[in-house]
Amino acid sequence: MRRWPHWRIWAGIAVSGVLLWLALRGVDWSHLGKVFMTVSWPSCGIAALFLLANLIVRAVRWRVLLTPVCRLPLFDVFAYSEIGYMANNLLPLRAGEFIRAILIGHRHSVSKSAVLATIAVERVLDILSLLAFVLLVALFMPMPQVVRRSILVAEIVAILAVATLWVVSRLEKRTERLLDRISVFIPRLLRARVVNIVVAFARGLQSLRSGQRMLSLIAISLLAWVLVLFEILFILDAFDLALPWYAGTFTIVVLNLGIAIPSSPGFVGVAHYLIVLALSFFAVSQTEALGVALVTHGLGFVLNVVLGLAFLWRENIAFRQLDNWARLDKLPEDA
């Protein structure tokens, strides 16, 4: 067990604090109160339903990715996903992804490294889907320079990640032999563990070998992001903002490219500033944009935390156990 790396936690809190200050600076609080008095809460309720549908679709995608590793009921996969999302909102350093891998490994006696590989594929699919959204938005509006640069970085990362994961997935049968050759540089006591972890990780990438399965995963990913778009559009409608549909798409792109920077748990401050920044390109006042940011972030935070805590109770796991898992220096021994 280890202590949290305090400098990384404080760096994230500092970034969140600065961006939250920027999002709040100059806000007309009396006007913000009037804005919330006129919000269409039924539209916000519909947005919450689209958010829930998005979470279910993401669970379907993860279940497809997990199939070569272990076959689980969709409800269980959804439960583990929500516990991970809740942990991302309440624990530092986005520990939820790590916790998801450990949770499935413990519950179903499968390789935690293999589960972690499926989560890595999830992130790559999300980047590719976002890039598709970028291409769509670029047809209707000029992209700001800072967004174009972020997109270029994301494209490079996505290409390298896809290439690396695909090569590893294709070389699973040869991975152990290859590692044996280079393991002369690894201390003898660590050699077997390194080989086991890498082979297990490669096993978790089996979904990449099937062209048909990859097409289905891409389709599911695009559907998930379309549901996010409808969520944002209904929130914008709740604030009676007469914006073109691609304003919602642009907001999604800016928000999800930006949250890669360090932040406090739950992306507090970072998410708010990025939404305010994105809507400023459509001449939305800072006060109204902050209202949209508060509702958008609040819906995701509350829904994921409530569902996560409910499933944590269902699994009979104490929250302290999640914190202990998140503090591990490395994944526990694979099953």
Protein backbone atom coordinates (compact mmCIF):
# COMPACT_ATOMS: atom_id res chain seq x y z
CA MET A 1 0.00 0.00 0.00
CA ARG A 2 1.18 3.57 -0.62
CA ARG A 3 0.17 7.09 0.19
CA TRP A 4 -1.50 9.23 -2.45
CA PRO A 5 1.14 11.14 -4.51
CA HIS A 6 0.27 14.46 -2.88
CA TRP A 7 2.00 16.66 -5.44
CA ARG A 8 -0.19 15.26 -8.24
CA ILE A 9 -3.33 15.71 -6.17
CA TRP A 10 -2.45 19.29 -5.29
CA ALA A 11 -1.53 20.02 -8.92
CA GLY A 12 -4.97 18.81 -10.02
CA ILE A 13 -6.68 20.85 -7.31
CA ALA A 14 -4.67 23.93 -8.32
CA VAL A 15 -5.64 23.56 -12.00
CA SER A 16 -9.29 23.04 -11.05
CA GLY A 17 -9.19 26.05 -8.76
CA VAL A 18 -7.73 28.37 -11.39
CA LEU A 19 -10.18 27.24 -14.10
CA LEU A 20 -13.14 27.45 -11.71
CA TRP A 21 -12.10 31.01 -10.87
CA LEU A 22 -11.95 31.83 -14.59
CA ALA A 23 -15.40 30.29 -15.12
CA LEU A 24 -16.88 32.31 -12.23
CA ARG A 25 -15.04 35.58 -12.82
CA GLY A 26 -17.39 38.32 -13.94
CA VAL A 27 -20.58 36.26 -13.48
CA ASP A 28 -23.72 38.24 -12.70
CA TRP A 29 -25.04 36.17 -9.80
CA SER A 30 -28.43 37.84 -9.66
CA HIS A 31 -28.88 37.18 -13.38
CA LEU A 32 -27.75 33.57 -12.87
CA GLY A 33 -30.51 33.15 -10.28
CA LYS A 34 -33.07 34.49 -12.76
CA VAL A 35 -31.71 32.14 -15.44
CA PHE A 36 -32.28 29.13 -13.18
CA MET A 37 -35.80 30.31 -12.40
CA THR A 38 -36.65 30.13 -16.11
CA VAL A 39 -34.91 26.83 -16.87
CA SER A 40 -37.13 24.13 -18.39
CA TRP A 41 -36.56 21.31 -15.91
CA PRO A 42 -38.55 18.78 -18.01
CA SER A 43 -35.94 19.30 -20.75
CA CYS A 44 -33.23 18.68 -18.17
CA GLY A 45 -35.06 15.48 -17.20
CA ILE A 46 -35.00 14.32 -20.82
CA ALA A 47 -31.27 15.16 -20.93
CA ALA A 48 -30.79 12.94 -17.87
CA LEU A 49 -32.53 10.07 -19.69
CA PHE A 50 -30.16 10.48 -22.64
CA LEU A 51 -27.26 10.45 -20.18
CA LEU A 52 -28.54 7.22 -18.65
CA ALA A 53 -28.97 5.70 -22.13
CA ASN A 54 -25.37 6.70 -22.92
CA LEU A 55 -24.12 4.93 -19.78
CA ILE A 56 -26.02 1.77 -20.73
CA VAL A 57 -24.63 1.84 -24.29
CA ARG A 58 -21.12 2.24 -22.88
CA ALA A 59 -21.72 -0.81 -20.69
CA VAL A 60 -22.80 -2.74 -23.82
CA ARG A 61 -19.54 -1.72 -25.52
CA TRP A 62 -17.45 -2.77 -22.54
CA ARG A 63 -19.26 -6.11 -22.40
CA VAL A 64 -18.32 -6.73 -26.05
CA LEU A 65 -14.70 -5.91 -25.25
CA LEU A 66 -14.74 -8.17 -22.20
CA THR A 67 -16.26 -11.17 -24.02
CA PRO A 68 -12.90 -12.75 -25.00
CA VAL A 69 -11.78 -12.40 -21.37
CA CYS A 70 -14.98 -13.32 -19.52
CA ARG A 71 -18.68 -13.45 -20.33
CA LEU A 72 -20.67 -11.33 -17.89
CA PRO A 73 -24.34 -10.29 -17.72
CA LEU A 74 -24.90 -6.75 -18.98
CA PHE A 75 -26.31 -5.70 -15.62
CA ASP A 76 -23.08 -6.69 -13.86
CA VAL A 77 -20.95 -4.85 -16.42
CA PHE A 78 -23.14 -1.77 -15.98
CA ALA A 79 -22.76 -2.01 -12.20
CA TYR A 80 -18.95 -2.25 -12.36
CA SER A 81 -18.86 0.66 -14.83
CA GLU A 82 -20.87 2.87 -12.50
CA ILE A 83 -18.69 2.00 -9.52
CA GLY A 84 -15.69 3.07 -11.60
CA TYR A 85 -17.34 6.32 -12.73
CA MET A 86 -18.32 7.08 -9.14
CA ALA A 87 -14.71 6.53 -8.04
CA ASN A 88 -13.53 8.94 -10.75
CA ASN A 89 -15.85 11.56 -9.25
CA LEU A 90 -14.88 11.01 -5.61
CA LEU A 91 -11.27 9.79 -5.61
CA PRO A 92 -8.12 11.52 -6.93
CA LEU A 93 -6.20 10.70 -10.10
CA ARG A 94 -9.15 9.12 -11.96
CA ALA A 95 -8.74 5.93 -9.98
CA GLY A 96 -12.00 4.47 -11.27
CA GLU A 97 -10.45 2.76 -14.29
CA PHE A 98 -7.93 0.99 -12.07
CA ILE A 99 -10.70 0.03 -9.65
CA ARG A 100 -12.86 -1.44 -12.43
CA ALA A 101 -10.05 -3.80 -13.42
CA ILE A 102 -9.44 -4.92 -9.84
CA LEU A 103 -13.17 -5.32 -9.13
CA ILE A 104 -13.83 -7.66 -12.07
CA GLY A 105 -10.60 -9.51 -11.39
CA HIS A 106 -11.62 -10.17 -7.78
CA ARG A 107 -15.26 -10.96 -8.51
CA HIS A 108 -14.77 -13.27 -11.51
CA SER A 109 -11.21 -14.60 -11.11
CA VAL A 110 -9.93 -13.20 -14.40
CA SER A 111 -6.75 -11.37 -15.27
CA LYS A 112 -6.85 -7.78 -14.10
CA SER A 113 -4.28 -6.85 -16.73
CA ALA A 114 -6.57 -8.23 -19.44
CA VAL A 115 -9.49 -6.18 -18.07
CA LEU A 116 -7.28 -3.09 -18.00
CA ALA A 117 -6.49 -3.70 -21.69
CA THR A 118 -10.21 -3.55 -22.55
CA ILE A 119 -10.45 -0.21 -20.73
CA ALA A 120 -7.51 1.08 -22.78
CA VAL A 121 -9.40 0.13 -25.96
CA GLU A 122 -12.44 2.02 -24.62
CA ARG A 123 -10.39 5.20 -24.34
CA VAL A 124 -9.01 4.83 -27.87
CA LEU A 125 -12.51 4.29 -29.28
CA ASP A 126 -13.66 7.45 -27.51
CA ILE A 127 -10.82 9.46 -29.04
CA LEU A 128 -11.67 8.14 -32.52
CA SER A 129 -15.34 9.01 -32.03
CA LEU A 130 -14.44 12.51 -30.92
CA LEU A 131 -12.28 12.97 -34.00
CA ALA A 132 -15.26 11.96 -36.14
CA PHE A 133 -17.27 14.68 -34.37
CA VAL A 134 -14.47 17.14 -35.08
CA LEU A 135 -14.59 16.40 -38.80
CA LEU A 136 -18.35 16.92 -38.72
CA VAL A 137 -18.13 20.26 -36.91
CA ALA A 138 -15.39 21.46 -39.26
CA LEU A 139 -17.89 21.31 -42.12
CA PHE A 140 -20.04 23.98 -40.46
CA MET A 141 -17.70 26.29 -38.56
CA PRO A 142 -14.02 27.32 -38.52
CA MET A 143 -12.15 25.63 -35.70
CA PRO A 144 -10.25 27.88 -33.27
CA GLN A 145 -6.47 27.56 -33.34
CA VAL A 146 -6.21 26.10 -29.83
CA VAL A 147 -8.80 23.46 -30.71
CA ARG A 148 -7.01 22.60 -33.96
CA ARG A 149 -3.76 22.05 -32.06
CA SER A 150 -5.49 19.88 -29.47
CA ILE A 151 -7.06 17.87 -32.28
CA LEU A 152 -3.67 17.35 -33.91
CA VAL A 153 -2.25 16.03 -30.64
CA ALA A 154 -5.29 13.78 -30.16
CA GLU A 155 -4.95 12.44 -33.72
CA ILE A 156 -1.30 11.55 -33.17
CA VAL A 157 -2.09 9.88 -29.83
CA ALA A 158 -5.02 7.95 -31.34
CA ILE A 159 -3.00 6.72 -34.33
CA LEU A 160 -0.09 5.60 -32.15
CA ALA A 161 -2.42 3.97 -29.62
CA VAL A 162 -4.41 2.08 -32.25
CA ALA A 163 -1.24 0.89 -33.98
CA THR A 164 0.37 -0.21 -30.70
CA LEU A 165 -2.71 -2.02 -29.39
CA TRP A 166 -3.31 -3.73 -32.73
CA VAL A 167 0.30 -4.96 -32.95
CA VAL A 168 0.19 -6.25 -29.36
CA SER A 169 -3.13 -8.01 -30.01
CA ARG A 170 -1.73 -9.76 -33.09
CA LEU A 171 1.43 -10.87 -31.35
CA GLU A 172 -0.14 -12.49 -28.28
CA LYS A 173 1.13 -15.98 -29.16
CA ARG A 174 4.60 -14.65 -29.80
CA THR A 175 4.69 -12.18 -26.92
CA GLU A 176 5.94 -14.64 -24.33
CA ARG A 177 8.72 -15.86 -26.62
CA LEU A 178 9.70 -12.29 -27.46
CA LEU A 179 9.73 -11.31 -23.80
CA ASP A 180 11.90 -14.30 -22.97
CA ARG A 181 14.50 -12.95 -25.38
CA ILE A 182 14.58 -9.46 -23.94
CA SER A 183 14.04 -10.46 -20.30
CA VAL A 184 17.77 -10.79 -19.80
CA PHE A 185 17.57 -7.08 -18.97
CA ILE A 186 14.91 -7.73 -16.31
CA PRO A 187 15.83 -9.00 -12.81
CA ARG A 188 15.14 -12.71 -12.50
CA LEU A 189 12.59 -12.26 -9.69
CA LEU A 190 10.48 -9.91 -11.84
CA ARG A 191 10.83 -11.81 -15.12
CA ALA A 192 7.88 -14.20 -14.73
CA ARG A 193 5.57 -11.46 -13.47
CA VAL A 194 6.39 -9.12 -16.35
CA VAL A 195 5.78 -11.90 -18.88
CA ASN A 196 2.46 -12.83 -17.26
CA ILE A 197 1.21 -9.24 -17.17
CA VAL A 198 2.10 -8.47 -20.78
CA VAL A 199 0.62 -11.74 -22.08
CA ALA A 200 -2.56 -11.15 -20.08
CA PHE A 201 -2.79 -7.56 -21.39
CA ALA A 202 -2.45 -8.85 -24.96
CA ARG A 203 -5.24 -11.35 -24.28
CA GLY A 204 -7.51 -8.46 -23.32
CA LEU A 205 -7.03 -6.97 -26.80
CA GLN A 206 -8.52 -9.94 -28.66
CA SER A 207 -11.49 -7.86 -29.82
CA LEU A 208 -9.13 -5.93 -32.10
CA ARG A 209 -8.44 -9.05 -34.16
CA SER A 210 -11.97 -9.31 -35.52
CA GLY A 211 -12.91 -6.81 -38.20
CA GLN A 212 -16.62 -7.45 -37.64
CA ARG A 213 -16.31 -6.93 -33.91
CA MET A 214 -14.31 -3.74 -34.42
CA LEU A 215 -17.00 -2.35 -36.73
CA SER A 216 -19.65 -3.11 -34.11
CA LEU A 217 -17.52 -1.44 -31.41
CA ILE A 218 -17.08 1.67 -33.56
CA ALA A 219 -20.83 1.78 -34.24
CA ILE A 220 -21.62 1.43 -30.52
CA SER A 221 -19.10 4.15 -29.68
CA LEU A 222 -20.62 6.56 -32.18
CA LEU A 223 -24.09 5.82 -30.79
CA ALA A 224 -22.85 6.58 -27.26
CA TRP A 225 -21.53 9.96 -28.36
CA VAL A 226 -24.70 10.77 -30.32
CA LEU A 227 -26.62 10.20 -27.08
CA VAL A 228 -24.24 12.64 -25.35
CA LEU A 229 -25.00 15.14 -28.11
CA PHE A 230 -28.74 14.84 -27.53
CA GLU A 231 -28.14 15.30 -23.79
CA ILE A 232 -26.28 18.57 -24.44
CA LEU A 233 -28.87 19.77 -26.97
CA PHE A 234 -31.72 19.26 -24.49
CA ILE A 235 -29.77 21.14 -21.81
CA LEU A 236 -29.19 24.02 -24.22
CA ASP A 237 -32.90 23.94 -25.05
CA ALA A 238 -33.73 24.03 -21.32
CA PHE A 239 -31.91 27.37 -21.14
CA ASP A 240 -33.77 28.58 -24.25
CA LEU A 241 -30.52 29.06 -26.17
CA ALA A 242 -31.30 29.19 -29.87
CA LEU A 243 -28.04 27.64 -31.06
CA PRO A 244 -27.28 25.47 -34.09
CA TRP A 245 -26.97 21.73 -33.44
CA TYR A 246 -23.23 21.82 -34.07
CA ALA A 247 -22.82 24.12 -31.05
CA GLY A 248 -23.57 21.06 -28.91
CA THR A 249 -21.09 18.98 -30.88
CA PHE A 250 -18.40 21.63 -30.54
CA THR A 251 -19.03 21.81 -26.79
CA ILE A 252 -18.59 18.04 -26.50
CA VAL A 253 -15.32 18.17 -28.44
CA VAL A 254 -13.83 21.02 -26.36
CA LEU A 255 -14.98 19.47 -23.08
CA ASN A 256 -13.65 15.98 -23.74
CA LEU A 257 -10.36 17.08 -25.29
CA GLY A 258 -9.79 19.43 -22.37
CA ILE A 259 -10.52 17.11 -19.46
CA ALA A 260 -7.29 15.23 -20.20
CA ILE A 261 -5.49 17.93 -18.20
CA PRO A 262 -4.96 17.34 -14.45
CA SER A 263 -7.93 18.18 -12.26
CA SER A 264 -9.56 17.53 -8.93
CA PRO A 265 -11.91 14.53 -8.58
CA GLY A 266 -15.02 14.89 -10.72
CA PHE A 267 -13.36 17.43 -13.08
CA VAL A 268 -14.72 20.28 -10.94
CA GLY A 269 -13.67 23.63 -12.40
CA VAL A 270 -12.16 22.12 -15.52
CA ALA A 271 -15.50 20.96 -16.94
CA HIS A 272 -17.19 24.25 -16.01
CA TYR A 273 -14.53 26.42 -17.64
CA LEU A 274 -14.39 24.33 -20.82
CA ILE A 275 -18.16 24.50 -21.32
CA VAL A 276 -18.14 28.26 -20.74
CA LEU A 277 -15.23 28.58 -23.19
CA ALA A 278 -16.94 26.47 -25.87
CA LEU A 279 -20.23 28.39 -25.68
CA SER A 280 -18.40 31.73 -25.83
CA PHE A 281 -17.71 30.98 -29.50
CA PHE A 282 -21.48 31.21 -30.06
CA ALA A 283 -21.87 34.53 -28.23
CA VAL A 284 -23.50 32.94 -25.18
CA SER A 285 -23.04 35.15 -22.12
CA GLN A 286 -20.74 33.87 -19.41
CA THR A 287 -23.62 33.77 -16.92
CA GLU A 288 -25.85 31.63 -19.15
CA ALA A 289 -22.93 29.42 -20.15
CA LEU A 290 -22.09 28.86 -16.48
CA GLY A 291 -25.71 27.79 -15.91
CA VAL A 292 -25.36 25.23 -18.71
CA ALA A 293 -22.06 24.06 -17.23
CA LEU A 294 -23.52 23.66 -13.73
CA VAL A 295 -26.46 21.59 -15.01
CA THR A 296 -24.35 19.48 -17.40
CA HIS A 297 -21.70 18.68 -14.79
CA GLY A 298 -24.27 18.28 -12.02
CA LEU A 299 -26.36 15.75 -13.95
CA GLY A 300 -23.34 13.56 -14.68
CA PHE A 301 -21.91 13.87 -11.19
CA VAL A 302 -25.13 13.11 -9.32
CA LEU A 303 -26.28 10.27 -11.59
CA ASN A 304 -22.92 8.47 -11.55
CA VAL A 305 -22.38 8.90 -7.81
CA VAL A 306 -25.90 7.77 -6.89
CA LEU A 307 -25.75 4.73 -9.18
CA GLY A 308 -22.20 3.95 -8.12
CA LEU A 309 -23.03 4.02 -4.42
CA ALA A 310 -26.14 1.89 -5.01
CA PHE A 311 -24.12 -0.75 -6.87
CA LEU A 312 -21.37 -0.57 -4.26
CA TRP A 313 -24.00 -1.44 -1.63
CA ARG A 314 -25.30 -4.24 -3.89
CA GLU A 315 -21.79 -5.68 -4.18
CA ASN A 316 -21.34 -5.38 -0.40
CA ILE A 317 -18.13 -3.38 -0.79
CA ALA A 318 -17.13 -0.59 1.59
CA PHE A 319 -16.03 2.68 0.01
CA ARG A 320 -12.83 2.40 2.04
CA GLN A 321 -11.98 -0.72 0.03
CA LEU A 322 -12.11 1.31 -3.20
CA ASP A 323 -9.76 3.84 -1.64
CA ASN A 324 -7.39 1.02 -0.66
CA TRP A 325 -7.42 -0.38 -4.20
CA ALA A 326 -6.78 3.06 -5.65
CA ARG A 327 -3.70 3.46 -3.44
CA LEU A 328 -2.03 0.28 -4.72
CA ASP A 329 1.33 0.81 -6.39
CA LYS A 330 0.42 -1.73 -9.07
CA LEU A 331 -2.28 -4.19 -10.01
CA PRO A 332 -2.53 -7.11 -7.57
CA GLU A 333 -1.36 -10.48 -8.85
CA ASP A 334 -3.41 -11.62 -11.82
CA ALA A 335 -5.86 -14.44 -11.26
